[in-house]
Amino acid sequence: MCRVWWMPIALVLIGGTIMAQDESRDGRADALRRTMGQLEPLHKPLGPPRPGDWLAVHREPGQSFDQYIRSRPTVPTSRRRVIYIQPLGDFTDGQRRVVALTAELTEDYFDLPTRMLESLPLSVIPARARRVHPVWKVDQVLTTYVLDELLRPKLPDDAFACIAFTASDLWPGRGWNFVFGQASLRERVGVWSLFRNGDPDAGDDEFRACLRRTAKTGVHELGHMFSILHCVAFECGMNGSNSEAEKDRRPLWLGPQCLAKVCWATGADPVRRYRRLLAFCDAHGLEEEADFYRRSLAALGHPATLPATAPAIGD
């Protein structure tokens, strides 16, 4: 049996085997602890939850960087390093562009190659894995079918994870109205929906809002696939969310502890990672995020204008 974390923003299933850790990552831990100390003044501590927020409903202890290392997390290996994006169903032009840009951001965010698979029609989902919501009359797709019967049997040999994106609304089964997405931490598959992220075809502001929401959900749930738990220390992309409003308040960037976890797991260099994310955000009008990445580079002593081949932290 799997142990299940239930959450309105997305479901995260834990089960299966744990990949072997690469012992060479241990040598990076001290350098990343120094990086955390340099970056911490930029980050806001997570304040008391508002009524109805995730932490008002769910008590969570959090997870330090050292606890993460000791937990034997799921991490990429030399054989499994690619993140695959699986489009599912029909998309508008704006939605298709949001998915493509989210895939591009994902590669920069986790410093892993990210590849787009050929789109699958929604007809691959049988009637037994669909429903019309009894109140809203919205067509919905069963997440567990996508994970267990569509993605997992076809997971490429070199995949660290495979993520399906769909414009259809999602529901995870009996007792639930909807979820933004669902992920399995150990089976390395997930599915996210754009359905509740706004209309990216309605103008530039609406496009940016949809891109930001889709990116937040995607990188948050991929973070869980690296065995990263919800952050309770700082305002962070790994904070839990109980509603669309709460998700909108959370940042796209990672807090210092969660940044260290990603860099330890993937081998990413924080400076080069920040430069790539800054370039992406500048190019696509994500001004708040771009400003944060500029300030982060400055805190690490690396002006944003330096070339991407600058020495890595700890070099």
Protein backbone atom coordinates (compact mmCIF):
# COMPACT_ATOMS: atom_id res chain seq x y z
CA MET A 1 0.00 0.00 0.00
CA CYS A 2 1.07 3.57 -0.60
CA ARG A 3 0.94 6.30 1.98
CA VAL A 4 -1.00 9.28 0.63
CA TRP A 5 -0.70 12.99 1.32
CA TRP A 6 -4.07 14.57 0.55
CA MET A 7 -4.01 18.19 -0.51
CA PRO A 8 -6.40 20.43 -2.47
CA ILE A 9 -3.67 21.98 -4.60
CA ALA A 10 -2.33 18.59 -5.63
CA LEU A 11 -2.03 15.04 -4.42
CA VAL A 12 1.33 13.46 -3.71
CA LEU A 13 1.65 9.68 -3.48
CA ILE A 14 4.60 8.01 -1.78
CA GLY A 15 5.49 4.46 -2.69
CA GLY A 16 7.92 2.27 -4.63
CA THR A 17 11.68 2.15 -4.29
CA ILE A 18 14.21 4.85 -3.49
CA MET A 19 17.03 5.57 -5.91
CA ALA A 20 20.55 5.18 -4.58
CA GLN A 21 22.20 8.40 -3.50
CA ASP A 22 25.26 9.62 -5.31
CA GLU A 23 27.87 9.95 -2.59
CA SER A 24 29.66 12.69 -4.54
CA ARG A 25 26.81 15.05 -3.56
CA ASP A 26 27.94 14.95 0.05
CA GLY A 27 30.96 17.11 -0.80
CA ARG A 28 28.64 19.91 -1.90
CA ALA A 29 26.72 20.13 1.38
CA ASP A 30 29.13 22.51 3.19
CA ALA A 31 29.31 24.92 0.24
CA LEU A 32 25.51 24.91 -0.01
CA ARG A 33 25.19 25.65 3.72
CA ARG A 34 27.36 28.75 3.18
CA THR A 35 25.16 29.72 0.24
CA MET A 36 22.06 29.36 2.42
CA GLY A 37 23.57 31.75 4.95
CA GLN A 38 24.30 34.37 2.27
CA LEU A 39 20.78 34.17 0.83
CA GLU A 40 18.73 33.96 4.01
CA PRO A 41 18.49 37.76 4.58
CA LEU A 42 16.60 38.06 1.26
CA HIS A 43 13.85 35.67 2.31
CA LYS A 44 10.76 36.42 4.36
CA PRO A 45 9.96 34.02 7.19
CA LEU A 46 6.62 32.35 6.70
CA GLY A 47 4.12 34.19 8.88
CA PRO A 48 1.11 32.79 10.74
CA PRO A 49 -1.40 31.15 8.40
CA ARG A 50 -4.63 32.91 7.52
CA PRO A 51 -7.91 31.14 8.25
CA GLY A 52 -8.29 28.31 5.76
CA ASP A 53 -4.62 28.34 4.69
CA TRP A 54 -2.71 25.10 4.32
CA LEU A 55 -0.93 25.32 7.68
CA ALA A 56 -4.14 26.37 9.42
CA VAL A 57 -5.57 22.98 8.45
CA HIS A 58 -2.49 20.72 8.28
CA ARG A 59 0.20 20.56 10.98
CA GLU A 60 3.56 19.99 9.33
CA PRO A 61 7.01 19.89 10.99
CA GLY A 62 8.95 21.04 7.93
CA GLN A 63 12.24 19.62 6.67
CA SER A 64 15.70 21.13 7.11
CA PHE A 65 18.47 20.71 4.57
CA ASP A 66 20.26 18.23 6.85
CA GLN A 67 17.07 16.26 7.42
CA TYR A 68 16.59 16.11 3.68
CA ILE A 69 20.07 14.68 3.10
CA ARG A 70 19.55 12.06 5.81
CA SER A 71 16.18 10.99 4.36
CA ARG A 72 17.73 9.16 1.36
CA PRO A 73 15.71 11.24 -1.11
CA THR A 74 14.79 10.32 -4.65
CA VAL A 75 17.41 12.00 -6.85
CA PRO A 76 18.50 11.79 -10.49
CA THR A 77 21.09 9.18 -11.42
CA SER A 78 23.49 8.95 -14.34
CA ARG A 79 20.89 6.77 -16.08
CA ARG A 80 17.75 8.69 -15.12
CA ARG A 81 18.19 12.43 -15.63
CA VAL A 82 15.55 13.59 -18.12
CA ILE A 83 12.27 15.30 -17.22
CA TYR A 84 9.61 14.48 -19.84
CA ILE A 85 6.57 16.66 -20.49
CA GLN A 86 3.51 14.85 -21.88
CA PRO A 87 0.81 17.13 -23.36
CA LEU A 88 -2.62 15.49 -23.04
CA GLY A 89 -5.71 16.63 -24.96
CA ASP A 90 -6.45 19.84 -26.85
CA PHE A 91 -4.95 23.23 -26.03
CA THR A 92 -5.56 26.75 -27.23
CA ASP A 93 -2.60 28.58 -28.76
CA GLY A 94 -2.03 30.40 -25.48
CA GLN A 95 -2.21 27.23 -23.39
CA ARG A 96 0.17 25.43 -25.73
CA ARG A 97 2.67 28.28 -25.33
CA VAL A 98 2.28 28.20 -21.53
CA VAL A 99 3.10 24.47 -21.51
CA ALA A 100 6.15 25.01 -23.74
CA LEU A 101 7.46 27.84 -21.56
CA THR A 102 6.83 25.86 -18.38
CA ALA A 103 8.95 23.06 -19.86
CA GLU A 104 11.70 25.61 -20.62
CA LEU A 105 11.54 26.99 -17.09
CA THR A 106 11.60 23.48 -15.64
CA GLU A 107 14.95 22.80 -17.32
CA ASP A 108 16.42 25.98 -15.81
CA TYR A 109 14.83 25.39 -12.41
CA PHE A 110 16.19 21.88 -11.90
CA ASP A 111 19.21 21.95 -14.23
CA LEU A 112 18.04 18.73 -15.90
CA PRO A 113 17.31 18.16 -19.60
CA THR A 114 13.59 18.54 -20.27
CA ARG A 115 11.97 17.08 -23.37
CA MET A 116 8.48 17.45 -24.80
CA LEU A 117 6.76 14.25 -25.90
CA GLU A 118 4.29 14.04 -28.77
CA SER A 119 0.84 15.15 -27.66
CA LEU A 120 -1.75 12.49 -26.84
CA PRO A 121 -5.46 12.99 -27.59
CA LEU A 122 -7.91 13.02 -24.72
CA SER A 123 -9.56 9.99 -26.34
CA VAL A 124 -6.84 7.82 -24.71
CA ILE A 125 -8.76 8.35 -21.44
CA PRO A 126 -11.64 5.82 -21.32
CA ALA A 127 -15.14 6.63 -20.10
CA ARG A 128 -14.48 4.86 -16.78
CA ALA A 129 -11.79 7.47 -16.01
CA ARG A 130 -13.95 10.52 -16.77
CA ARG A 131 -16.92 12.21 -15.21
CA VAL A 132 -19.07 15.34 -15.31
CA HIS A 133 -18.94 17.08 -11.94
CA PRO A 134 -22.35 16.61 -10.31
CA VAL A 135 -22.74 20.31 -9.37
CA TRP A 136 -20.50 22.32 -11.69
CA LYS A 137 -21.22 20.19 -14.78
CA VAL A 138 -17.54 20.38 -15.72
CA ASP A 139 -15.88 17.51 -17.62
CA GLN A 140 -13.13 15.99 -15.46
CA VAL A 141 -10.37 13.40 -15.89
CA LEU A 142 -9.40 10.88 -13.19
CA THR A 143 -5.83 11.58 -12.11
CA THR A 144 -5.04 8.06 -10.93
CA TYR A 145 -5.77 6.65 -14.37
CA VAL A 146 -3.32 9.10 -15.96
CA LEU A 147 -0.60 8.24 -13.43
CA ASP A 148 -1.02 4.48 -13.13
CA GLU A 149 -2.28 3.39 -16.54
CA LEU A 150 -1.10 6.05 -18.96
CA LEU A 151 2.25 7.42 -17.76
CA ARG A 152 3.84 4.79 -15.53
CA PRO A 153 3.79 1.88 -18.03
CA LYS A 154 5.46 4.06 -20.67
CA LEU A 155 8.01 5.85 -18.50
CA PRO A 156 11.19 6.20 -20.63
CA ASP A 157 14.25 4.39 -19.33
CA ASP A 158 16.21 7.66 -19.00
CA ALA A 159 13.38 9.54 -17.26
CA PHE A 160 13.79 11.06 -13.84
CA ALA A 161 10.12 12.04 -14.11
CA CYS A 162 7.29 12.31 -16.61
CA ILE A 163 4.72 15.07 -16.19
CA ALA A 164 1.44 15.26 -18.09
CA PHE A 165 -0.13 18.67 -18.73
CA THR A 166 -3.78 18.98 -19.69
CA ALA A 167 -6.32 21.75 -20.15
CA SER A 168 -9.00 19.47 -18.68
CA ASP A 169 -10.12 19.69 -15.07
CA LEU A 170 -8.88 16.91 -12.77
CA TRP A 171 -10.35 14.93 -9.91
CA PRO A 172 -8.65 12.18 -7.87
CA GLY A 173 -11.64 10.01 -7.02
CA ARG A 174 -14.43 9.58 -4.51
CA GLY A 175 -14.86 12.38 -1.99
CA TRP A 176 -13.04 15.07 -3.99
CA ASN A 177 -14.27 17.96 -6.13
CA PHE A 178 -11.04 18.68 -8.01
CA VAL A 179 -7.27 19.02 -7.71
CA PHE A 180 -4.78 21.21 -9.56
CA GLY A 181 -2.59 18.13 -9.99
CA GLN A 182 -1.35 14.89 -8.51
CA ALA A 183 2.14 13.43 -8.21
CA SER A 184 3.86 10.27 -7.04
CA LEU A 185 7.12 10.83 -5.22
CA ARG A 186 8.57 7.39 -5.88
CA GLU A 187 6.91 6.37 -9.15
CA ARG A 188 8.16 9.61 -10.78
CA VAL A 189 4.95 10.51 -12.61
CA GLY A 190 2.54 13.41 -12.26
CA VAL A 191 -0.30 15.26 -13.97
CA TRP A 192 -1.16 18.98 -13.75
CA SER A 193 -4.11 20.94 -15.10
CA LEU A 194 -4.23 24.44 -16.63
CA PHE A 195 -8.01 24.49 -16.23
CA ARG A 196 -8.05 26.80 -13.18
CA ASN A 197 -5.06 28.96 -14.10
CA GLY A 198 -6.88 31.62 -16.13
CA ASP A 199 -7.19 32.37 -19.85
CA PRO A 200 -3.77 32.89 -21.47
CA ASP A 201 -5.44 33.94 -24.74
CA ALA A 202 -7.15 36.98 -23.16
CA GLY A 203 -4.17 39.35 -23.26
CA ASP A 204 -0.61 39.81 -22.04
CA ASP A 205 -1.46 40.20 -18.35
CA GLU A 206 -3.70 37.14 -18.40
CA PHE A 207 -1.01 35.16 -20.22
CA ARG A 208 1.61 36.04 -17.61
CA ALA A 209 -0.80 35.15 -14.79
CA CYS A 210 -1.49 31.74 -16.34
CA LEU A 211 2.21 31.12 -16.96
CA ARG A 212 3.09 32.04 -13.38
CA ARG A 213 0.36 29.80 -11.90
CA THR A 214 1.21 26.87 -14.14
CA ALA A 215 4.92 27.22 -13.43
CA LYS A 216 4.31 27.40 -9.67
CA THR A 217 2.29 24.19 -9.69
CA GLY A 218 4.74 22.39 -11.98
CA VAL A 219 7.93 23.17 -10.07
CA HIS A 220 6.25 22.64 -6.69
CA GLU A 221 5.10 19.16 -7.59
CA LEU A 222 8.39 18.28 -9.26
CA GLY A 223 10.04 19.40 -6.03
CA HIS A 224 8.02 16.74 -4.25
CA MET A 225 9.37 14.18 -6.74
CA PHE A 226 12.82 15.02 -5.35
CA SER A 227 11.39 14.05 -1.92
CA ILE A 228 11.26 17.70 -0.80
CA LEU A 229 8.54 18.25 1.79
CA HIS A 230 6.52 21.42 2.24
CA CYS A 231 8.53 24.40 3.48
CA VAL A 232 7.28 25.92 6.74
CA ALA A 233 10.23 28.25 7.39
CA PHE A 234 10.14 30.83 4.57
CA GLU A 235 7.87 32.13 1.84
CA CYS A 236 8.86 29.56 -0.75
CA GLY A 237 7.69 27.76 -3.86
CA MET A 238 7.45 24.63 -1.71
CA ASN A 239 4.86 26.09 0.68
CA GLY A 240 1.62 24.14 0.79
CA SER A 241 -1.50 25.81 -0.60
CA ASN A 242 -5.12 25.16 0.23
CA SER A 243 -6.73 27.40 -2.40
CA GLU A 244 -6.12 29.36 -5.58
CA ALA A 245 -5.78 32.57 -3.55
CA GLU A 246 -3.15 31.05 -1.29
CA LYS A 247 -1.26 29.62 -4.28
CA ASP A 248 -1.18 33.09 -5.85
CA ARG A 249 0.43 34.50 -2.69
CA ARG A 250 3.28 31.98 -2.78
CA PRO A 251 6.47 32.87 -4.70
CA LEU A 252 7.85 31.02 -7.68
CA TRP A 253 11.35 30.99 -6.17
CA LEU A 254 12.68 28.63 -3.51
CA GLY A 255 13.65 29.49 0.04
CA PRO A 256 17.31 28.97 1.04
CA GLN A 257 16.79 25.48 2.49
CA CYS A 258 14.81 24.22 -0.51
CA LEU A 259 17.28 25.78 -2.95
CA ALA A 260 20.07 23.84 -1.23
CA LYS A 261 18.04 20.62 -1.52
CA VAL A 262 17.53 21.05 -5.26
CA CYS A 263 21.17 21.94 -5.87
CA TRP A 264 22.38 19.01 -3.74
CA ALA A 265 20.07 16.59 -5.54
CA THR A 266 20.77 17.73 -9.10
CA GLY A 267 24.32 19.11 -8.90
CA ALA A 268 23.08 22.53 -10.06
CA ASP A 269 25.26 25.54 -9.28
CA PRO A 270 23.19 28.28 -7.57
CA VAL A 271 24.82 31.15 -9.50
CA ARG A 272 24.38 29.64 -12.95
CA ARG A 273 20.86 28.54 -12.02
CA TYR A 274 19.92 32.07 -10.92
CA ARG A 275 21.34 33.54 -14.14
CA ARG A 276 19.28 31.21 -16.33
CA LEU A 277 16.12 31.90 -14.32
CA LEU A 278 16.77 35.65 -14.48
CA ALA A 279 17.10 35.46 -18.27
CA PHE A 280 13.84 33.49 -18.53
CA CYS A 281 11.89 35.86 -16.28
CA ASP A 282 13.25 38.96 -18.05
CA ALA A 283 12.28 37.51 -21.42
CA HIS A 284 8.70 36.72 -20.38
CA GLY A 285 7.72 39.67 -18.24
CA LEU A 286 7.93 38.02 -14.81
CA GLU A 287 9.27 41.19 -13.22
CA GLU A 288 8.92 40.31 -9.53
CA GLU A 289 10.78 37.06 -10.05
CA ALA A 290 13.49 38.70 -12.17
CA ASP A 291 14.11 41.29 -9.43
CA PHE A 292 14.44 38.53 -6.84
CA TYR A 293 16.98 36.63 -8.92
CA ARG A 294 19.03 39.81 -9.47
CA ARG A 295 19.13 40.45 -5.73
CA SER A 296 20.05 36.82 -5.09
CA LEU A 297 22.99 37.01 -7.48
CA ALA A 298 24.16 40.21 -5.79
CA ALA A 299 23.93 38.53 -2.37
CA LEU A 300 26.20 35.77 -3.67
CA GLY A 301 28.69 38.34 -4.95
CA HIS A 302 27.93 37.72 -8.63
CA PRO A 303 26.49 40.65 -10.60
CA ALA A 304 23.77 39.55 -12.99
CA THR A 305 25.76 40.75 -16.00
CA LEU A 306 28.60 38.23 -15.62
CA PRO A 307 28.72 35.40 -18.18
CA ALA A 308 27.06 32.08 -17.33
CA THR A 309 30.51 30.43 -17.23
CA ALA A 310 31.52 32.28 -14.06
CA PRO A 311 33.03 30.13 -11.28
CA ALA A 312 30.56 28.03 -9.35
CA ILE A 313 29.84 28.44 -5.66
CA GLY A 314 32.59 26.71 -3.73
CA ASP A 315 35.02 26.68 -6.70
